[in-house]
PDB file of N, CA and C in Angstrom:
ATOM      1  N   MET A   1     -26.905   1.775   7.322  1.00  0.00           N
ATOM      2  CA  MET A   1     -26.719   0.468   6.175  1.00  0.00           C
ATOM      3  C   MET A   1     -26.121  -0.664   7.150  1.00  0.00           C
ATOM      4  N   ASP A   2     -26.730  -1.606   6.604  1.00  0.00           N
ATOM      5  CA  ASP A   2     -25.627  -2.806   7.250  1.00  0.00           C
ATOM      6  C   ASP A   2     -24.494  -2.655   6.900  1.00  0.00           C
ATOM      7  N   LEU A   3     -23.318  -2.802   8.150  1.00  0.00           N
ATOM      8  CA  LEU A   3     -21.424  -3.000   7.051  1.00  0.00           C
ATOM      9  C   LEU A   3     -20.969  -4.262   6.850  1.00  0.00           C
ATOM     10  N   ASN A   4     -21.796  -5.194   6.910  1.00  0.00           N
ATOM     11  CA  ASN A   4     -21.444  -6.343   6.301  1.00  0.00           C
ATOM     12  C   ASN A   4     -22.308  -6.330   4.949  1.00  0.00           C
ATOM     13  N   LEU A   5     -22.288  -6.340   4.007  1.00  0.00           N
ATOM     14  CA  LEU A   5     -22.812  -6.176   2.390  1.00  0.00           C
ATOM     15  C   LEU A   5     -22.149  -7.293   1.508  1.00  0.00           C
ATOM     16  N   SER A   6     -20.684  -8.128   1.541  1.00  0.00           N
ATOM     17  CA  SER A   6     -20.536  -8.878   1.145  1.00  0.00           C
ATOM     18  C   SER A   6     -21.741  -9.474   0.553  1.00  0.00           C
ATOM     19  N   ASN A   7     -21.246 -10.495  -0.122  1.00  0.00           N
ATOM     20  CA  ASN A   7     -22.131 -11.288  -1.212  1.00  0.00           C
ATOM     21  C   ASN A   7     -23.410 -11.158  -1.274  1.00  0.00           C
ATOM     22  N   LYS A   8     -23.931  -9.825  -0.414  1.00  0.00           N
ATOM     23  CA  LYS A   8     -25.226  -9.120  -0.844  1.00  0.00           C
ATOM     24  C   LYS A   8     -25.712  -9.375  -2.318  1.00  0.00           C
ATOM     25  N   GLU A   9     -26.851  -9.088  -2.886  1.00  0.00           N
ATOM     26  CA  GLU A   9     -26.881  -9.268  -4.553  1.00  0.00           C
ATOM     27  C   GLU A   9     -27.385  -7.857  -4.827  1.00  0.00           C
ATOM     28  N   ALA A  10     -26.794  -7.189  -6.146  1.00  0.00           N
ATOM     29  CA  ALA A  10     -26.906  -5.800  -6.676  1.00  0.00           C
ATOM     30  C   ALA A  10     -28.032  -6.482  -7.068  1.00  0.00           C
ATOM     31  N   ARG A  11     -28.619  -5.460  -7.400  1.00  0.00           N
ATOM     32  CA  ARG A  11     -29.444  -5.026  -8.813  1.00  0.00           C
ATOM     33  C   ARG A  11     -29.987  -3.777  -9.908  1.00  0.00           C
ATOM     34  N   ASP A  12     -29.720  -4.100 -11.120  1.00  0.00           N
ATOM     35  CA  ASP A  12     -30.411  -2.196 -11.786  1.00  0.00           C
ATOM     36  C   ASP A  12     -31.227  -1.816 -11.469  1.00  0.00           C
ATOM     37  N   VAL A  13     -31.597  -0.908 -12.214  1.00  0.00           N
ATOM     38  CA  VAL A  13     -33.015   0.106 -12.264  1.00  0.00           C
ATOM     39  C   VAL A  13     -34.369  -1.450 -12.848  1.00  0.00           C
ATOM     40  N   LYS A  14     -33.852  -1.837 -13.443  1.00  0.00           N
ATOM     41  CA  LYS A  14     -34.658  -2.747 -14.259  1.00  0.00           C
ATOM     42  C   LYS A  14     -35.181  -3.336 -13.285  1.00  0.00           C
ATOM     43  N   ASP A  15     -34.161  -4.234 -12.463  1.00  0.00           N
ATOM     44  CA  ASP A  15     -34.534  -5.337 -11.774  1.00  0.00           C
ATOM     45  C   ASP A  15     -33.837  -6.611 -11.902  1.00  0.00           C
ATOM     46  N   GLN A  16     -32.434  -5.936 -13.035  1.00  0.00           N
ATOM     47  CA  GLN A  16     -31.824  -6.962 -13.109  1.00  0.00           C
ATOM     48  C   GLN A  16     -30.610  -7.370 -12.514  1.00  0.00           C
ATOM     49  N   ASP A  17     -29.994  -8.501 -12.720  1.00  0.00           N
ATOM     50  CA  ASP A  17     -29.369  -8.834 -11.747  1.00  0.00           C
ATOM     51  C   ASP A  17     -27.702  -8.581 -11.942  1.00  0.00           C
ATOM     52  N   LEU A  18     -27.252  -7.456 -11.026  1.00  0.00           N
ATOM     53  CA  LEU A  18     -25.699  -6.672 -11.695  1.00  0.00           C
ATOM     54  C   LEU A  18     -24.951  -7.525 -10.953  1.00  0.00           C
ATOM     55  N   GLY A  19     -24.831  -8.958  -9.831  1.00  0.00           N
ATOM     56  CA  GLY A  19     -23.802  -9.309  -9.585  1.00  0.00           C
ATOM     57  C   GLY A  19     -24.453  -9.476  -7.897  1.00  0.00           C
ATOM     58  N   LYS A  20     -22.753  -9.956  -7.136  1.00  0.00           N
ATOM     59  CA  LYS A  20     -22.595 -10.050  -6.405  1.00  0.00           C
ATOM     60  C   LYS A  20     -21.849  -8.645  -5.470  1.00  0.00           C
ATOM     61  N   ILE A  21     -22.142  -8.440  -4.057  1.00  0.00           N
ATOM     62  CA  ILE A  21     -21.241  -7.524  -3.339  1.00  0.00           C
ATOM     63  C   ILE A  21     -19.979  -7.663  -3.324  1.00  0.00           C
ATOM     64  N   LEU A  22     -18.865  -7.379  -3.460  1.00  0.00           N
ATOM     65  CA  LEU A  22     -17.755  -8.217  -3.102  1.00  0.00           C
ATOM     66  C   LEU A  22     -16.871  -7.266  -1.914  1.00  0.00           C
ATOM     67  N   GLU A  23     -16.719  -6.329  -2.051  1.00  0.00           N
ATOM     68  CA  GLU A  23     -16.210  -4.877  -1.443  1.00  0.00           C
ATOM     69  C   GLU A  23     -17.354  -3.618  -1.529  1.00  0.00           C
ATOM     70  N   VAL A  24     -17.495  -2.683  -0.387  1.00  0.00           N
ATOM     71  CA  VAL A  24     -17.758  -1.305   0.084  1.00  0.00           C
ATOM     72  C   VAL A  24     -16.835  -0.448   0.284  1.00  0.00           C
ATOM     73  N   ASP A  25     -16.142   1.137  -0.244  1.00  0.00           N
ATOM     74  CA  ASP A  25     -15.914   1.366   0.626  1.00  0.00           C
ATOM     75  C   ASP A  25     -17.280   3.008   1.150  1.00  0.00           C
ATOM     76  N   HIS A  26     -16.062   3.899   1.407  1.00  0.00           N
ATOM     77  CA  HIS A  26     -17.137   5.302   2.085  1.00  0.00           C
ATOM     78  C   HIS A  26     -17.807   5.804   0.781  1.00  0.00           C
ATOM     79  N   ASN A  27     -17.726   5.827  -1.101  1.00  0.00           N
ATOM     80  CA  ASN A  27     -18.421   6.508  -1.883  1.00  0.00           C
ATOM     81  C   ASN A  27     -17.834   5.001  -3.079  1.00  0.00           C
ATOM     82  N   TYR A  28     -17.903   3.817  -3.302  1.00  0.00           N
ATOM     83  CA  TYR A  28     -18.291   2.729  -4.309  1.00  0.00           C
ATOM     84  C   TYR A  28     -17.759   1.739  -3.712  1.00  0.00           C
ATOM     85  N   VAL A  29     -19.067   0.693  -4.055  1.00  0.00           N
ATOM     86  CA  VAL A  29     -19.423  -0.482  -4.380  1.00  0.00           C
ATOM     87  C   VAL A  29     -18.893  -1.287  -5.131  1.00  0.00           C
ATOM     88  N   LEU A  30     -17.734  -2.670  -5.005  1.00  0.00           N
ATOM     89  CA  LEU A  30     -17.248  -3.809  -5.923  1.00  0.00           C
ATOM     90  C   LEU A  30     -18.114  -4.667  -5.967  1.00  0.00           C
ATOM     91  N   ILE A  31     -18.852  -4.803  -7.650  1.00  0.00           N
ATOM     92  CA  ILE A  31     -19.845  -5.795  -7.311  1.00  0.00           C
ATOM     93  C   ILE A  31     -19.340  -6.999  -8.295  1.00  0.00           C
ATOM     94  N   GLU A  32     -19.391  -7.885  -8.539  1.00  0.00           N
ATOM     95  CA  GLU A  32     -18.692  -9.322  -9.396  1.00  0.00           C
ATOM     96  C   GLU A  32     -20.034 -10.296 -10.315  1.00  0.00           C
ATOM     97  N   LYS A  33     -20.308 -10.133 -11.062  1.00  0.00           N
ATOM     98  CA  LYS A  33     -21.437 -11.604 -12.024  1.00  0.00           C
ATOM     99  C   LYS A  33     -20.078 -12.360 -12.869  1.00  0.00           C
ATOM    100  N   GLY A  34     -20.499 -13.491 -12.794  1.00  0.00           N
ATOM    101  CA  GLY A  34     -19.961 -14.683 -12.819  1.00  0.00           C
ATOM    102  C   GLY A  34     -19.262 -15.029 -12.022  1.00  0.00           C
ATOM    103  N   THR A  35     -18.406 -16.645 -12.650  1.00  0.00           N
ATOM    104  CA  THR A  35     -17.698 -17.128 -12.048  1.00  0.00           C
ATOM    105  C   THR A  35     -16.290 -17.452 -12.945  1.00  0.00           C
ATOM    106  N   SER A  36     -15.758 -17.677 -12.557  1.00  0.00           N
ATOM    107  CA  SER A  36     -13.987 -18.062 -13.412  1.00  0.00           C
ATOM    108  C   SER A  36     -13.127 -16.511 -13.880  1.00  0.00           C
ATOM    109  N   ASN A  37     -13.033 -17.295 -15.095  1.00  0.00           N
ATOM    110  CA  ASN A  37     -12.179 -15.992 -16.038  1.00  0.00           C
ATOM    111  C   ASN A  37     -13.673 -15.033 -16.243  1.00  0.00           C
ATOM    112  N   ASN A  38     -14.247 -15.384 -16.973  1.00  0.00           N
ATOM    113  CA  ASN A  38     -15.389 -14.540 -16.875  1.00  0.00           C
ATOM    114  C   ASN A  38     -15.771 -13.656 -16.491  1.00  0.00           C
ATOM    115  N   ASP A  39     -15.460 -13.392 -15.013  1.00  0.00           N
ATOM    116  CA  ASP A  39     -15.999 -12.445 -14.075  1.00  0.00           C
ATOM    117  C   ASP A  39     -16.342 -11.039 -14.625  1.00  0.00           C
ATOM    118  N   GLU A  40     -17.879 -10.276 -14.158  1.00  0.00           N
ATOM    119  CA  GLU A  40     -17.212  -8.723 -14.445  1.00  0.00           C
ATOM    120  C   GLU A  40     -17.438  -8.174 -13.259  1.00  0.00           C
ATOM    121  N   ARG A  41     -16.265  -7.270 -12.910  1.00  0.00           N
ATOM    122  CA  ARG A  41     -16.809  -6.640 -11.802  1.00  0.00           C
ATOM    123  C   ARG A  41     -16.877  -5.682 -12.444  1.00  0.00           C
ATOM    124  N   PHE A  42     -17.777  -4.267 -11.348  1.00  0.00           N
ATOM    125  CA  PHE A  42     -17.973  -3.298 -11.370  1.00  0.00           C
ATOM    126  C   PHE A  42     -18.047  -2.458 -10.468  1.00  0.00           C
ATOM    127  N   TYR A  43     -17.368  -1.142 -10.729  1.00  0.00           N
ATOM    128  CA  TYR A  43     -16.816   0.037  -9.200  1.00  0.00           C
ATOM    129  C   TYR A  43     -18.189   0.615  -9.734  1.00  0.00           C
ATOM    130  N   ILE A  44     -19.193   0.752  -8.986  1.00  0.00           N
ATOM    131  CA  ILE A  44     -20.462   1.890  -8.980  1.00  0.00           C
ATOM    132  C   ILE A  44     -20.025   2.857  -7.579  1.00  0.00           C
ATOM    133  N   PRO A  45     -20.254   3.647  -8.504  1.00  0.00           N
ATOM    134  CA  PRO A  45     -20.479   4.775  -7.234  1.00  0.00           C
ATOM    135  C   PRO A  45     -22.111   4.707  -6.193  1.00  0.00           C
ATOM    136  N   LEU A  46     -21.600   4.681  -5.261  1.00  0.00           N
ATOM    137  CA  LEU A  46     -22.940   4.888  -4.099  1.00  0.00           C
ATOM    138  C   LEU A  46     -23.711   6.378  -3.844  1.00  0.00           C
ATOM    139  N   TYR A  47     -23.493   7.034  -4.911  1.00  0.00           N
ATOM    140  CA  TYR A  47     -24.652   7.888  -5.042  1.00  0.00           C
ATOM    141  C   TYR A  47     -25.472   7.383  -5.891  1.00  0.00           C
ATOM    142  N   LEU A  48     -25.646   6.106  -7.092  1.00  0.00           N
ATOM    143  CA  LEU A  48     -26.202   5.798  -7.715  1.00  0.00           C
ATOM    144  C   LEU A  48     -27.204   4.798  -7.011  1.00  0.00           C
ATOM    145  N   LEU A  49     -26.682   4.150  -5.701  1.00  0.00           N
ATOM    146  CA  LEU A  49     -27.838   3.477  -4.905  1.00  0.00           C
ATOM    147  C   LEU A  49     -29.795   3.900  -4.925  1.00  0.00           C
ATOM    148  N   GLU A  50     -30.201   3.530  -4.996  1.00  0.00           N
ATOM    149  CA  GLU A  50     -31.806   3.884  -4.941  1.00  0.00           C
ATOM    150  C   GLU A  50     -31.921   2.880  -3.690  1.00  0.00           C
ATOM    151  N   LYS A  51     -31.637   1.669  -3.208  1.00  0.00           N
ATOM    152  CA  LYS A  51     -32.612   1.437  -1.691  1.00  0.00           C
ATOM    153  C   LYS A  51     -31.332  -0.120  -1.650  1.00  0.00           C
ATOM    154  N   TYR A  52     -31.843  -0.459  -0.170  1.00  0.00           N
ATOM    155  CA  TYR A  52     -31.061  -0.947   0.078  1.00  0.00           C
ATOM    156  C   TYR A  52     -32.298  -2.208   1.261  1.00  0.00           C
ATOM    157  N   ASP A  53     -32.382  -3.803   1.465  1.00  0.00           N
ATOM    158  CA  ASP A  53     -33.737  -3.825   1.895  1.00  0.00           C
ATOM    159  C   ASP A  53     -33.003  -5.097   3.113  1.00  0.00           C
ATOM    160  N   GLN A  54     -31.602  -4.966   3.419  1.00  0.00           N
ATOM    161  CA  GLN A  54     -30.750  -5.821   3.919  1.00  0.00           C
ATOM    162  C   GLN A  54     -30.263  -7.138   3.040  1.00  0.00           C
ATOM    163  N   ASN A  55     -30.717  -7.391   1.846  1.00  0.00           N
ATOM    164  CA  ASN A  55     -30.927  -8.333   1.422  1.00  0.00           C
ATOM    165  C   ASN A  55     -29.943  -8.072  -0.114  1.00  0.00           C
ATOM    166  N   THR A  56     -30.985  -6.766  -0.352  1.00  0.00           N
ATOM    167  CA  THR A  56     -29.751  -6.493  -2.242  1.00  0.00           C
ATOM    168  C   THR A  56     -29.830  -4.796  -2.125  1.00  0.00           C
ATOM    169  N   LEU A  57     -29.267  -4.502  -2.959  1.00  0.00           N
ATOM    170  CA  LEU A  57     -28.793  -3.073  -3.148  1.00  0.00           C
ATOM    171  C   LEU A  57     -29.782  -2.986  -4.732  1.00  0.00           C
ATOM    172  N   TRP A  58     -30.509  -1.890  -4.569  1.00  0.00           N
ATOM    173  CA  TRP A  58     -30.624  -1.485  -6.373  1.00  0.00           C
ATOM    174  C   TRP A  58     -30.200   0.067  -6.665  1.00  0.00           C
ATOM    175  N   PHE A  59     -29.558   0.064  -7.519  1.00  0.00           N
ATOM    176  CA  PHE A  59     -28.373   1.135  -8.253  1.00  0.00           C
ATOM    177  C   PHE A  59     -29.584   1.807  -9.475  1.00  0.00           C
ATOM    178  N   ARG A  60     -29.338   2.913  -9.534  1.00  0.00           N
ATOM    179  CA  ARG A  60     -30.394   3.779 -10.311  1.00  0.00           C
ATOM    180  C   ARG A  60     -29.307   3.650 -11.891  1.00  0.00           C
ATOM    181  N   ILE A  61     -29.050   2.648 -12.098  1.00  0.00           N
ATOM    182  CA  ILE A  61     -28.344   2.303 -13.387  1.00  0.00           C
ATOM    183  C   ILE A  61     -29.036   0.728 -14.122  1.00  0.00           C
ATOM    184  N   ASP A  62     -28.992   0.537 -15.572  1.00  0.00           N
ATOM    185  CA  ASP A  62     -28.744  -0.451 -15.772  1.00  0.00           C
ATOM    186  C   ASP A  62     -27.154  -1.497 -16.108  1.00  0.00           C
ATOM    187  N   GLN A  63     -28.122  -2.455 -16.428  1.00  0.00           N
ATOM    188  CA  GLN A  63     -26.255  -3.390 -16.893  1.00  0.00           C
ATOM    189  C   GLN A  63     -25.741  -2.817 -17.754  1.00  0.00           C
ATOM    190  N   GLU A  64     -26.530  -2.005 -18.971  1.00  0.00           N
ATOM    191  CA  GLU A  64     -25.557  -1.608 -20.232  1.00  0.00           C
ATOM    192  C   GLU A  64     -24.388  -0.498 -19.701  1.00  0.00           C
ATOM    193  N   GLU A  65     -25.346   0.663 -18.800  1.00  0.00           N
ATOM    194  CA  GLU A  65     -24.720   1.241 -17.953  1.00  0.00           C
ATOM    195  C   GLU A  65     -23.246   0.841 -17.435  1.00  0.00           C
ATOM    196  N   ALA A  66     -24.199  -0.168 -16.573  1.00  0.00           N
ATOM    197  CA  ALA A  66     -22.624  -0.341 -15.638  1.00  0.00           C
ATOM    198  C   ALA A  66     -21.443  -0.975 -16.176  1.00  0.00           C
ATOM    199  N   LYS A  67     -21.929  -1.329 -17.274  1.00  0.00           N
ATOM    200  CA  LYS A  67     -20.631  -2.479 -18.060  1.00  0.00           C
ATOM    201  C   LYS A  67     -19.627  -1.365 -19.466  1.00  0.00           C
ATOM    202  N   ASN A  68     -20.591  -0.647 -19.694  1.00  0.00           N
ATOM    203  CA  ASN A  68     -20.262   0.792 -20.062  1.00  0.00           C
ATOM    204  C   ASN A  68     -19.095   2.168 -19.506  1.00  0.00           C
ATOM    205  N   ASN A  69     -19.590   1.969 -18.191  1.00  0.00           N
ATOM    206  CA  ASN A  69     -18.690   2.956 -17.728  1.00  0.00           C
ATOM    207  C   ASN A  69     -18.236   2.842 -16.302  1.00  0.00           C
ATOM    208  N   PHE A  70     -18.485   1.656 -15.392  1.00  0.00           N
ATOM    209  CA  PHE A  70     -18.165   0.890 -14.146  1.00  0.00           C
ATOM    210  C   PHE A  70     -17.548  -0.125 -14.501  1.00  0.00           C
ATOM    211  N   THR A  71     -16.780  -0.195 -15.293  1.00  0.00           N
ATOM    212  CA  THR A  71     -16.116  -1.739 -15.442  1.00  0.00           C
ATOM    213  C   THR A  71     -14.674  -1.481 -14.439  1.00  0.00           C
ATOM    214  N   VAL A  72     -14.562  -2.841 -14.152  1.00  0.00           N
ATOM    215  CA  VAL A  72     -13.310  -2.330 -13.473  1.00  0.00           C
ATOM    216  C   VAL A  72     -12.149  -3.281 -13.783  1.00  0.00           C
ATOM    217  N   TYR A  73     -10.976  -3.414 -14.083  1.00  0.00           N
ATOM    218  CA  TYR A  73     -10.051  -4.880 -14.029  1.00  0.00           C
ATOM    219  C   TYR A  73      -8.969  -4.776 -13.373  1.00  0.00           C
ATOM    220  N   SER A  74      -9.512  -5.444 -12.093  1.00  0.00           N
ATOM    221  CA  SER A  74      -8.911  -5.527 -10.706  1.00  0.00           C
ATOM    222  C   SER A  74      -9.938  -5.693  -9.644  1.00  0.00           C
ATOM    223  N   GLN A  75      -8.905  -7.010  -8.701  1.00  0.00           N
ATOM    224  CA  GLN A  75      -9.709  -7.612  -7.568  1.00  0.00           C
ATOM    225  C   GLN A  75     -10.349  -7.434  -6.296  1.00  0.00           C
ATOM    226  N   SER A  76      -9.617  -5.749  -5.995  1.00  0.00           N
ATOM    227  CA  SER A  76     -10.830  -5.164  -4.778  1.00  0.00           C
ATOM    228  C   SER A  76     -10.178  -4.099  -5.294  1.00  0.00           C
ATOM    229  N   LEU A  77     -10.913  -3.040  -4.493  1.00  0.00           N
ATOM    230  CA  LEU A  77     -10.960  -1.113  -3.747  1.00  0.00           C
ATOM    231  C   LEU A  77      -9.728  -0.596  -3.804  1.00  0.00           C
ATOM    232  N   SER A  78      -8.948  -1.641  -3.191  1.00  0.00           N
ATOM    233  CA  SER A  78      -7.636  -0.697  -2.731  1.00  0.00           C
ATOM    234  C   SER A  78      -6.802  -0.669  -3.686  1.00  0.00           C
ATOM    235  N   ASN A  79      -7.030  -1.610  -5.301  1.00  0.00           N
ATOM    236  CA  ASN A  79      -6.005  -1.681  -5.978  1.00  0.00           C
ATOM    237  C   ASN A  79      -6.979  -1.346  -7.505  1.00  0.00           C
ATOM    238  N   PHE A  80      -7.926  -0.449  -6.893  1.00  0.00           N
ATOM    239  CA  PHE A  80      -8.728  -0.203  -8.465  1.00  0.00           C
ATOM    240  C   PHE A  80      -7.949   0.288  -9.922  1.00  0.00           C
ATOM    241  N   VAL A  81      -8.813  -0.017 -10.469  1.00  0.00           N
ATOM    242  CA  VAL A  81      -7.936   0.350 -11.889  1.00  0.00           C
ATOM    243  C   VAL A  81      -9.236   0.548 -12.967  1.00  0.00           C
ATOM    244  N   LYS A  82     -10.375   1.238 -13.663  1.00  0.00           N
ATOM    245  CA  LYS A  82     -10.818   2.083 -14.001  1.00  0.00           C
ATOM    246  C   LYS A  82     -10.956   1.583 -15.383  1.00  0.00           C
ATOM    247  N   ALA A  83     -11.466   1.011 -17.048  1.00  0.00           N
ATOM    248  CA  ALA A  83     -11.424   1.061 -17.648  1.00  0.00           C
ATOM    249  C   ALA A  83     -11.348   2.109 -18.223  1.00  0.00           C
TER     250      ALA A  83
END
């Protein structure tokens, strides 16, 4: 997999936009959707990754699951705080 995933697109199981990739570590992907103070950030485990085509990562969850289970309130993976 391409190690430079920053700013790649993230999509859900229904092909809906989850946002842009901010960071990737060994187990998780940090995704940001929105701009300014209304940003949503999701910390999604890599085991939920379904496929990747050099431009887009598709996950086996939908937006509702992302919001309910993987919303974070931190800027980066290094200071991750899960809701």
